[in-house]
Protein backbone atom coordinates (compact mmCIF):
# COMPACT_ATOMS: atom_id res chain seq x y z
CA UNK A 1 26.72 1.40 12.56
CA UNK A 2 26.43 -2.46 12.25
CA UNK A 3 30.12 -2.60 14.11
CA UNK A 4 28.49 -0.64 16.67
CA UNK A 5 25.56 -2.95 17.03
CA UNK A 6 27.69 -6.06 17.03
CA UNK A 7 29.13 -4.95 20.37
CA UNK A 8 25.99 -4.77 22.12
CA UNK A 9 26.32 -7.57 24.91
CA UNK A 10 23.59 -9.30 27.05
CA UNK A 11 22.24 -7.30 29.93
CA UNK A 12 23.72 -8.40 32.96
CA UNK A 13 24.33 -7.31 36.77
CA UNK A 14 27.85 -8.11 36.79
CA UNK A 15 30.30 -5.93 38.96
CA UNK A 16 31.89 -3.88 36.21
CA UNK A 17 28.49 -2.62 34.91
CA UNK A 18 26.48 0.00 36.00
CA UNK A 19 22.75 -0.19 34.99
CA UNK A 20 21.26 3.19 33.75
CA UNK A 21 18.65 4.69 36.61
CA UNK A 22 15.21 5.13 36.04
CA UNK A 23 15.66 8.89 36.00
CA UNK A 24 18.46 8.87 33.44
CA UNK A 25 16.20 7.04 30.74
CA UNK A 26 12.49 6.23 31.83
CA UNK A 27 11.84 10.03 32.38
CA UNK A 28 12.47 10.60 28.70
CA UNK A 29 9.72 8.22 27.64
CA UNK A 30 7.05 10.25 29.86
CA UNK A 31 8.28 13.92 28.35
CA UNK A 32 7.27 12.80 24.72
CA UNK A 33 4.06 13.69 23.67
CA UNK A 34 1.53 10.49 23.88
CA UNK A 35 0.06 11.23 20.32
CA UNK A 36 3.70 11.62 18.73
CA UNK A 37 4.80 8.35 20.36
CA UNK A 38 1.55 6.57 19.11
CA UNK A 39 2.20 7.94 15.49
CA UNK A 40 5.93 6.74 15.73
CA UNK A 41 5.03 3.38 16.90
CA UNK A 42 2.07 3.06 14.27
CA UNK A 43 4.60 4.13 11.47
CA UNK A 44 6.87 0.88 11.95
CA UNK A 45 5.63 -1.62 9.72
CA UNK A 46 5.59 -4.99 10.39
CA UNK A 47 8.89 -6.55 10.14
CA UNK A 48 9.15 -9.47 7.35
CA UNK A 49 11.87 -10.80 5.31
CA UNK A 50 11.77 -7.90 2.85
CA UNK A 51 11.53 -4.69 4.56
CA UNK A 52 14.36 -4.61 7.17
CA UNK A 53 15.97 -1.50 5.75
CA UNK A 54 12.90 0.70 6.18
CA UNK A 55 11.91 -1.13 9.39
CA UNK A 56 15.13 -0.47 11.19
CA UNK A 57 14.99 3.31 10.00
CA UNK A 58 11.52 3.97 11.71
CA UNK A 59 12.25 1.88 14.72
CA UNK A 60 15.69 3.77 15.22
CA UNK A 61 13.63 6.94 14.87
CA UNK A 62 11.27 6.07 17.66
CA UNK A 63 13.86 4.87 19.95
CA UNK A 64 15.79 8.07 19.47
CA UNK A 65 12.53 9.94 20.17
CA UNK A 66 12.09 8.39 23.50
CA UNK A 67 15.92 8.62 24.36
CA UNK A 68 16.80 4.89 24.23
CA UNK A 69 18.72 4.58 20.58
CA UNK A 70 22.32 4.86 22.25
CA UNK A 71 21.60 2.37 24.76
CA UNK A 72 20.59 -0.24 21.74
CA UNK A 73 23.57 0.81 19.40
CA UNK A 74 26.34 2.51 21.04
CA UNK A 75 26.65 1.34 25.01
CA UNK A 76 27.78 -2.08 25.22
CA UNK A 77 27.31 -2.13 28.98
CA UNK A 78 23.69 -0.78 28.84
CA UNK A 79 21.29 -2.20 31.25
CA UNK A 80 17.58 -0.94 30.78
CA UNK A 81 15.20 -0.37 33.52
CA UNK A 82 12.48 -2.58 33.63
CA UNK A 83 10.02 -0.13 32.50
CA UNK A 84 11.89 0.81 29.32
CA UNK A 85 12.96 -2.86 28.88
CA UNK A 86 9.26 -3.75 28.86
CA UNK A 87 8.24 -0.93 26.38
CA UNK A 88 10.93 -1.70 23.73
CA UNK A 89 10.22 -5.62 24.32
CA UNK A 90 6.63 -4.98 23.45
CA UNK A 91 7.35 -2.75 20.48
CA UNK A 92 10.14 -5.38 18.89
CA UNK A 93 7.62 -8.46 19.54
CA UNK A 94 4.57 -6.67 18.08
CA UNK A 95 6.26 -5.12 14.84
CA UNK A 96 7.46 -8.34 13.11
CA UNK A 97 5.56 -11.54 11.70
CA UNK A 98 5.64 -15.08 12.80
CA UNK A 99 8.19 -16.18 10.56
CA UNK A 100 10.68 -13.62 11.62
CA UNK A 101 9.96 -14.38 15.15
CA UNK A 102 11.10 -18.12 14.69
CA UNK A 103 14.59 -16.72 13.46
CA UNK A 104 15.39 -14.02 16.18
CA UNK A 105 13.26 -15.02 19.51
CA UNK A 106 14.60 -17.81 21.70
CA UNK A 107 14.59 -18.74 25.32
CA UNK A 108 17.80 -16.86 26.04
CA UNK A 109 16.67 -13.34 24.52
CA UNK A 110 12.85 -13.36 24.80
CA UNK A 111 12.97 -11.27 28.21
CA UNK A 112 15.82 -8.52 26.89
CA UNK A 113 14.83 -5.97 24.33
CA UNK A 114 18.71 -5.38 23.98
CA UNK A 115 19.22 -9.01 23.15
CA UNK A 116 16.00 -9.35 20.92
CA UNK A 117 17.54 -6.06 18.90
CA UNK A 118 20.91 -7.66 18.72
CA UNK A 119 19.38 -10.84 17.38
CA UNK A 120 17.29 -9.05 14.55
CA UNK A 121 20.31 -6.86 13.72
CA UNK A 122 22.50 -9.88 13.14
CA UNK A 123 19.92 -11.90 11.23
CA UNK A 124 19.03 -9.37 8.72
CA UNK A 125 22.18 -7.11 8.59
CA UNK A 126 25.20 -9.47 8.61
CA UNK A 127 26.92 -10.71 5.11
CA UNK A 128 26.59 -14.28 5.82
CA UNK A 129 26.21 -15.90 2.54
CA UNK A 130 22.82 -17.39 3.44
CA UNK A 131 21.43 -14.14 4.33
CA UNK A 132 23.10 -12.39 1.04
CA UNK A 133 21.04 -15.02 -0.90
CA UNK A 134 17.96 -14.49 0.84
CA UNK A 135 17.99 -10.67 0.05
CA UNK A 136 19.15 -11.15 -3.49
CA UNK A 137 16.66 -13.94 -4.04
CA UNK A 138 13.95 -11.77 -2.74
CA UNK A 139 15.10 -8.97 -5.32
CA UNK A 140 14.82 -10.90 -8.16
CA UNK A 141 11.39 -12.46 -7.35
CA UNK A 142 9.91 -8.94 -6.99
CA UNK A 143 7.78 -8.37 -10.10
CA UNK A 144 7.24 -4.91 -11.94
CA UNK A 145 3.74 -3.46 -11.02
CA UNK A 146 2.40 -1.28 -13.93
CA UNK A 147 -0.43 -0.15 -11.76
CA UNK A 148 1.76 0.88 -8.91
CA UNK A 149 5.01 2.48 -10.54
CA UNK A 150 5.55 4.56 -7.50
CA UNK A 151 5.50 1.67 -5.16
CA UNK A 152 7.81 -0.37 -7.48
CA UNK A 153 10.16 2.59 -7.56
CA UNK A 154 10.01 2.87 -3.64
CA UNK A 155 10.22 -1.05 -3.48
CA UNK A 156 13.70 -1.28 -5.63
CA UNK A 157 15.22 1.88 -3.84
CA UNK A 158 14.72 -0.19 -0.56
CA UNK A 159 16.40 -3.29 -2.27
CA UNK A 160 19.30 -1.01 -3.26
CA UNK A 161 19.77 -0.12 0.41
CA UNK A 162 19.23 -3.76 1.76
CA UNK A 163 21.47 -5.26 -0.82
CA UNK A 164 24.35 -2.88 -0.02
CA UNK A 165 23.30 -3.65 3.97
CA UNK A 166 24.10 -7.25 3.46
CA UNK A 167 27.49 -6.86 1.77
CA UNK A 168 26.46 -6.90 -1.93
CA UNK A 169 28.63 -4.99 -4.18
CA UNK A 170 27.48 -4.43 -7.94
CA UNK A 171 29.17 -2.49 -10.87
CA UNK A 172 27.53 0.65 -11.67
CA UNK A 173 25.27 -0.70 -14.19
CA UNK A 174 24.54 -4.27 -12.88
CA UNK A 175 21.66 -3.25 -10.81
CA UNK A 176 20.16 -1.07 -13.35
CA UNK A 177 20.05 -3.85 -15.70
CA UNK A 178 18.46 -6.24 -13.25
CA UNK A 179 15.72 -3.86 -12.69
CA UNK A 180 15.39 -3.23 -16.40
CA UNK A 181 14.77 -7.06 -16.91
CA UNK A 182 11.81 -6.73 -14.94
CA UNK A 183 10.02 -4.81 -17.45
CA UNK A 184 6.91 -6.29 -19.42
CA UNK A 185 7.37 -6.60 -23.41
CA UNK A 186 5.20 -3.45 -23.98
CA UNK A 187 7.76 -1.37 -22.18
CA UNK A 188 10.57 -2.28 -24.84
CA UNK A 189 10.66 1.21 -26.23
CA UNK A 190 11.16 2.55 -22.92
CA UNK A 191 14.04 0.14 -22.25
CA UNK A 192 15.62 0.84 -25.60
CA UNK A 193 15.65 4.53 -24.66
CA UNK A 194 17.45 3.68 -21.27
CA UNK A 195 20.04 1.36 -22.81
CA UNK A 196 20.64 3.83 -25.59
CA UNK A 197 20.90 6.98 -23.76
CA UNK A 198 24.92 6.72 -23.98
CA UNK A 199 24.76 6.71 -19.92
CA UNK A 200 25.32 3.68 -17.49
CA UNK A 201 22.18 1.84 -16.81
CA UNK A 202 22.31 2.70 -13.27
CA UNK A 203 19.41 1.88 -11.01
CA UNK A 204 19.00 5.86 -10.64
CA UNK A 205 18.86 6.24 -14.31
CA UNK A 206 16.32 3.68 -14.67
CA UNK A 207 14.25 4.97 -11.77
CA UNK A 208 14.32 8.40 -13.50
CA UNK A 209 12.69 7.17 -16.61
CA UNK A 210 10.17 5.41 -14.86
CA UNK A 211 9.25 8.62 -13.06
CA UNK A 212 8.89 10.27 -16.49
CA UNK A 213 6.54 6.97 -17.43
CA UNK A 214 4.51 7.71 -14.56
CA UNK A 215 4.13 11.20 -15.17
CA UNK A 216 3.30 10.34 -18.72
CA UNK A 217 0.19 8.09 -17.70
CA UNK A 218 -1.24 11.18 -15.92
CA UNK A 219 -1.38 13.19 -19.16
CA UNK A 220 -4.76 14.54 -20.27
CA UNK A 221 -7.10 11.77 -21.27
CA UNK A 222 -9.48 13.84 -23.25
CA UNK A 223 -10.31 12.96 -26.70
CA UNK A 224 -9.00 15.21 -29.42
CA UNK A 225 -11.40 16.23 -32.26
CA UNK A 226 -12.05 13.40 -34.71
CA UNK A 227 -10.01 10.95 -32.81
CA UNK A 228 -10.89 8.70 -29.61
CA UNK A 229 -8.48 8.42 -26.84
CA UNK A 230 -8.64 4.84 -25.56
CA UNK A 231 -7.84 6.12 -21.96
CA UNK A 232 -10.69 8.30 -21.86
CA UNK A 233 -13.62 7.50 -19.67
CA UNK A 234 -16.13 6.77 -22.40
CA UNK A 235 -15.96 4.04 -25.07
CA UNK A 236 -15.39 5.10 -28.83
CA UNK A 237 -19.00 4.13 -29.36
CA UNK A 238 -20.16 6.90 -26.80
CA UNK A 239 -17.74 9.62 -28.57
CA UNK A 240 -19.73 12.47 -30.01
CA UNK A 241 -17.37 13.75 -32.57
CA UNK A 242 -17.82 10.08 -34.18
CA UNK A 243 -21.41 9.77 -33.51
CA UNK A 244 -22.91 13.62 -33.44
CA UNK A 245 -26.30 12.52 -33.35
CA UNK A 246 -25.71 11.14 -29.69
CA UNK A 247 -24.59 14.74 -28.70
CA UNK A 248 -27.96 16.25 -29.44
CA UNK A 249 -29.64 13.62 -27.59
CA UNK A 250 -27.50 13.97 -24.49
CA UNK A 251 -27.65 17.61 -24.58
CA UNK A 252 -31.61 17.33 -24.74
CA UNK A 253 -31.61 15.00 -21.81
CA UNK A 254 -29.43 17.28 -19.85
CA UNK A 255 -31.67 20.26 -20.58
CA UNK A 256 -34.59 18.40 -19.43
CA UNK A 257 -33.01 17.29 -16.07
CA UNK A 258 -31.81 20.91 -15.60
CA UNK A 259 -35.49 22.14 -16.10
CA UNK A 260 -36.88 19.70 -13.56
CA UNK A 261 -34.26 20.89 -11.07
CA UNK A 262 -35.19 24.42 -11.28
CA UNK A 263 -38.97 23.66 -11.08
CA UNK A 264 -38.03 21.30 -8.05
CA UNK A 265 -36.10 24.39 -6.26
CA UNK A 266 -38.96 26.85 -6.98
CA UNK A 267 -41.43 24.57 -5.19
CA UNK A 268 -39.27 24.04 -2.53
CA UNK A 269 -38.74 27.73 -1.70
CA UNK A 270 -42.35 28.35 -1.58
CA UNK A 271 -42.90 25.42 0.89
CA UNK A 272 -40.28 26.82 2.89
CA UNK A 273 -41.21 30.68 2.55
CA UNK A 274 -44.76 30.78 2.26
CA UNK A 275 -46.36 34.32 1.75
């Protein structure tokens, strides 16, 4: 796909080019349900130096929805009608941060959606050494997030695709070990399970273990008889089995509150339904 995108040329009015008519392209935009269009646009994240892969997928989904994807990635002679160019340009400009803008927008392409798209894909998806280094360094700097394991998994899978996209090639277990190195010391047991499993430490095997770890964090947090669970929603000092006297006091308070609620309900019913 990158090869196809690299063939996109500036929109010109030379004799050998036949601009697409408004009825060929623009009409497709008006056929799209406005709520679907709004949802698709809002679903495109702000383009940063770290999320090009997911950004590109969602942007292309939108362009496919409105019938303009082929003009961007396949037709080297495509000339967008003014209305379509204005729409795509506004989306591409709005869906990126200021740092990305300085790298992809210039005086030559600022008025052409096709040229802006070409500039973005060249900046993020070429295998130039500087771009490869940027993506790899961003991957190395990304920390493990113990409070958001699912988010960490999603981020790592995004980097897996992004690194391949800019030309990185790793042995089957290399990327897995790099992700494993992000684990904190208190996850040594899990790391040992992965490395001693007898299988290659691929990123997929690491992610599988992370899914299990995330699931285990959501197991029953209730205390067992005679033993306080540190993940429970109360402290050890408030654990009834260790402090049975507190249970009686608590139950008496609950009974008092229940009786008050019953009396209040009775009085309210009398007020609403006087005899």
